[in-house]
């Protein structure tokens, strides 16, 4: 089974090279670079989605438990922190294993 997979990988790489689809002939496919507007759009989506998810969860828990706006506020802050953490992970360079 391993021989079939190796043969397939080799045929796939040669077909991609023939079509001009293999940007790195060595086969090292790291993360592709993104355009600056793509990174900015992703950063905005990360922050907004984390805030909406946190606020939505807090609102649902407030309705279920009858605690007023307190869980909404708490989970809104937690969502904001999660969004900032996701943004930090997006802009920080990837860590290399030792």
Protein backbone atom coordinates (compact mmCIF):
# COMPACT_ATOMS: atom_id res chain seq x y z
CA UNK A 1 0.00 0.00 0.00
CA UNK A 2 2.89 2.36 0.72
CA UNK A 3 4.34 1.77 -2.77
CA UNK A 4 1.05 2.76 -4.40
CA UNK A 5 0.90 5.97 -2.39
CA UNK A 6 4.50 6.87 -3.23
CA UNK A 7 3.82 6.21 -6.91
CA UNK A 8 0.71 8.35 -6.80
CA UNK A 9 2.54 11.22 -5.09
CA UNK A 10 5.30 11.07 -7.70
CA UNK A 11 2.81 11.05 -10.59
CA UNK A 12 0.88 13.92 -8.99
CA UNK A 13 4.02 16.04 -8.59
CA UNK A 14 5.08 15.42 -12.19
CA UNK A 15 1.58 16.28 -13.49
CA UNK A 16 1.53 19.50 -11.43
CA UNK A 17 4.97 20.44 -12.75
CA UNK A 18 3.84 19.83 -16.35
CA UNK A 19 0.82 22.08 -15.83
CA UNK A 20 2.86 24.74 -14.08
CA UNK A 21 0.98 24.28 -10.82
CA UNK A 22 3.94 23.39 -8.62
CA UNK A 23 5.34 26.67 -7.24
CA UNK A 24 8.08 24.88 -5.29
CA UNK A 25 9.67 21.99 -7.17
CA UNK A 26 11.32 20.75 -3.96
CA UNK A 27 7.87 19.84 -2.67
CA UNK A 28 8.08 21.99 0.48
CA UNK A 29 4.62 23.49 0.60
CA UNK A 30 4.54 26.03 3.39
CA UNK A 31 1.77 28.52 3.98
CA UNK A 32 1.13 30.66 0.95
CA UNK A 33 1.69 34.41 1.38
CA UNK A 34 -1.45 36.48 1.58
CA UNK A 35 -2.16 39.91 0.22
CA UNK A 36 -2.23 42.69 2.84
CA UNK A 37 -5.95 43.27 2.28
CA UNK A 38 -6.55 39.55 2.79
CA UNK A 39 -4.81 39.62 6.15
CA UNK A 40 -6.73 42.73 7.16
CA UNK A 41 -10.04 41.20 6.12
CA UNK A 42 -9.26 38.01 8.02
CA UNK A 43 -8.26 40.01 11.10
CA UNK A 44 -11.54 41.91 11.03
CA UNK A 45 -13.55 38.73 10.61
CA UNK A 46 -11.66 37.08 13.48
CA UNK A 47 -12.42 39.93 15.89
CA UNK A 48 -16.03 40.48 14.85
CA UNK A 49 -16.92 36.79 14.84
CA UNK A 50 -15.40 36.26 18.29
CA UNK A 51 -17.33 39.25 19.65
CA UNK A 52 -20.60 38.06 18.10
CA UNK A 53 -20.10 34.51 19.35
CA UNK A 54 -19.31 35.71 22.87
CA UNK A 55 -22.21 38.15 22.99
CA UNK A 56 -24.61 35.58 21.56
CA UNK A 57 -23.59 32.94 24.07
CA UNK A 58 -23.86 35.44 26.92
CA UNK A 59 -27.28 36.59 25.75
CA UNK A 60 -28.55 33.01 25.52
CA UNK A 61 -27.23 32.18 28.98
CA UNK A 62 -28.76 35.38 30.39
CA UNK A 63 -32.16 34.45 28.96
CA UNK A 64 -31.89 30.89 30.23
CA UNK A 65 -30.64 31.77 33.72
CA UNK A 66 -32.41 35.15 34.08
CA UNK A 67 -29.24 36.92 35.19
CA UNK A 68 -29.77 40.20 33.35
CA UNK A 69 -27.01 41.68 31.26
CA UNK A 70 -24.13 40.31 33.35
CA UNK A 71 -23.32 37.17 31.38
CA UNK A 72 -23.76 39.09 28.14
CA UNK A 73 -21.14 41.59 29.28
CA UNK A 74 -18.83 38.89 30.61
CA UNK A 75 -18.95 36.77 27.48
CA UNK A 76 -18.63 39.87 25.28
CA UNK A 77 -15.33 40.60 27.03
CA UNK A 78 -14.25 36.96 26.75
CA UNK A 79 -15.10 37.04 23.04
CA UNK A 80 -13.05 40.21 22.63
CA UNK A 81 -10.09 38.56 24.36
CA UNK A 82 -10.46 35.51 22.13
CA UNK A 83 -10.54 37.76 19.06
CA UNK A 84 -7.37 39.57 20.15
CA UNK A 85 -5.68 36.21 20.80
CA UNK A 86 -6.67 35.03 17.30
CA UNK A 87 -5.32 38.28 15.87
CA UNK A 88 -2.04 37.77 17.74
CA UNK A 89 -1.76 34.25 16.34
CA UNK A 90 -2.45 35.60 12.84
CA UNK A 91 0.30 38.23 12.86
CA UNK A 92 2.94 36.40 14.90
CA UNK A 93 5.49 34.36 12.95
CA UNK A 94 4.98 30.59 13.04
CA UNK A 95 7.01 28.73 15.66
CA UNK A 96 9.43 26.13 14.44
CA UNK A 97 9.68 22.85 16.35
CA UNK A 98 13.12 22.00 17.73
